[in-house]
Protein backbone atom coordinates (compact mmCIF):
# COMPACT_ATOMS: atom_id res chain seq x y z
CA GLU A 1 -0.09 -0.02 0.12
CA LEU A 2 0.92 3.62 -0.81
CA PRO A 3 5.12 2.57 -2.21
CA GLN A 4 7.89 4.64 -1.55
CA THR A 5 9.28 3.21 -4.91
CA CYS A 6 8.66 2.08 -8.13
CA SER A 7 8.25 -1.87 -8.56
CA ASP A 8 10.61 -3.50 -10.56
CA ASP A 9 9.00 -5.49 -13.71
CA LEU A 10 7.41 -7.94 -12.30
CA SER A 11 6.42 -11.34 -14.33
CA GLN A 12 2.95 -12.44 -15.93
CA GLU A 13 2.52 -15.08 -12.68
CA GLU A 14 2.53 -12.06 -10.25
CA ILE A 15 0.56 -10.03 -12.31
CA GLY A 16 -2.12 -12.13 -12.23
CA GLU A 17 -4.85 -12.13 -14.93
CA PRO A 18 -5.62 -8.72 -16.01
CA THR A 19 -9.20 -7.31 -14.59
CA HIS A 20 -9.75 -4.68 -17.38
CA ASP A 21 -8.10 -4.45 -21.17
CA PHE A 22 -8.21 -0.60 -22.68
CA VAL A 23 -7.39 0.53 -26.45
CA LEU A 24 -6.20 3.91 -26.10
CA GLU A 25 -6.11 5.72 -29.68
CA ALA A 26 -3.49 7.86 -31.10
CA GLY A 27 -3.54 11.23 -28.18
CA ASP A 28 -5.48 9.47 -25.46
CA LEU A 29 -4.01 9.86 -21.92
CA LEU A 30 -5.39 7.25 -18.81
CA TYR A 31 -4.61 8.24 -15.38
CA PHE A 32 -3.58 5.59 -13.13
CA PRO A 33 -3.84 6.10 -9.49
CA ARG A 34 -0.61 5.60 -7.15
CA GLY A 35 0.31 2.68 -7.08
CA THR A 36 -2.08 0.46 -9.75
CA VAL A 37 0.08 -2.72 -11.17
CA HIS A 38 -0.48 -1.84 -14.80
CA GLN A 39 0.95 -3.24 -18.26
CA ALA A 40 1.40 -2.06 -21.23
CA ASP A 41 0.86 -3.86 -25.30
CA THR A 42 1.12 -3.10 -28.46
CA PRO A 43 -1.74 -4.81 -30.62
CA THR A 44 -0.51 -7.02 -33.56
CA HIS A 45 -2.23 -4.04 -36.06
CA THR A 46 -0.21 -1.25 -35.09
CA PRO A 47 3.03 -0.54 -35.61
CA HIS A 48 4.90 1.08 -33.15
CA SER A 49 3.19 2.44 -30.10
CA THR A 50 4.91 4.36 -26.95
CA HIS A 51 4.36 3.56 -23.19
CA ILE A 52 5.18 6.49 -20.39
CA THR A 53 4.50 6.06 -17.17
CA ILE A 54 5.10 9.77 -14.63
CA SER A 55 4.97 9.14 -11.38
CA THR A 56 4.22 13.07 -10.31
CA TYR A 57 3.01 12.44 -6.38
CA GLN A 58 5.46 9.87 -5.10
CA ASN A 59 7.56 11.56 -2.75
CA HIS A 60 5.52 13.76 -1.90
CA SER A 61 4.47 12.79 1.77
CA TRP A 62 5.29 13.25 5.37
CA SER A 63 8.02 11.03 5.43
CA THR A 64 9.86 12.80 2.10
CA LEU A 65 9.56 15.88 4.02
CA LEU A 66 10.90 14.65 7.39
CA GLY A 67 13.90 13.18 6.14
CA HIS A 68 14.18 16.07 3.84
CA LEU A 69 13.81 18.52 6.69
CA LEU A 70 16.13 15.98 9.40
CA ASP A 71 18.72 15.80 7.77
CA HIS A 72 19.17 19.30 6.28
CA THR A 73 18.66 20.26 10.65
CA LEU A 74 20.97 17.61 11.29
CA GLN A 75 23.95 18.14 8.46
CA ARG A 76 23.46 22.67 10.14
CA ALA A 77 23.87 21.39 13.70
CA THR A 78 27.06 19.45 12.79
CA SER A 79 28.51 21.53 10.37
CA THR A 80 28.09 25.21 13.71
CA ASP A 81 28.22 22.49 16.82
CA PRO A 82 31.47 20.44 17.34
CA ASP A 83 29.40 17.82 20.03
CA PHE A 84 27.53 16.06 17.00
CA ARG A 85 30.77 15.03 15.28
CA ARG A 86 32.35 13.27 19.02
CA GLY A 87 32.03 9.59 18.98
CA LEU A 88 29.22 7.91 20.62
CA PRO A 89 29.97 6.61 23.78
CA LEU A 90 31.33 2.54 24.03
CA ASN A 91 29.03 1.58 26.52
CA LEU A 92 25.23 3.52 24.84
CA LEU A 93 23.81 0.25 24.47
CA ASN A 94 24.08 -0.60 28.35
CA ILE A 95 22.55 3.40 29.04
CA PRO A 96 19.23 3.14 30.95
CA GLY A 97 16.80 4.35 28.64
CA GLY A 98 19.28 3.77 25.67
CA ALA A 99 18.84 2.11 22.73
CA ALA A 100 19.66 -1.25 24.96
CA PRO A 101 15.92 -3.87 23.28
CA ARG A 102 14.36 -4.85 26.30
CA GLU A 103 13.09 -8.13 27.18
CA GLY A 104 9.56 -7.86 28.07
CA ASN A 105 7.98 -5.17 30.86
CA HIS A 106 11.08 -4.88 32.84
CA PRO A 107 11.74 -1.67 34.36
CA VAL A 108 15.41 -1.06 33.17
């Protein structure tokens, strides 16, 4: 649901049987909502065809926006504050409340 990247080419088995079949004429445009799997084919009586997929909204999400903002903010902080360039503590995973995984609901 709501993929963040384009999918690789899917095999016919992965795509399954078509649910719709459209024949477009010169100048026609067909819109598919984000994430719709589709497959283009040129009919045998047609000498040539062009199929172009344009993704215009895939990377316009809260995740993308926050990723850019956090990256920019962290780079700015790193360039101006030496504390952001210091090494992590060797015992970081053992610091209470740190990044150590907790087993069960035991207090730290």
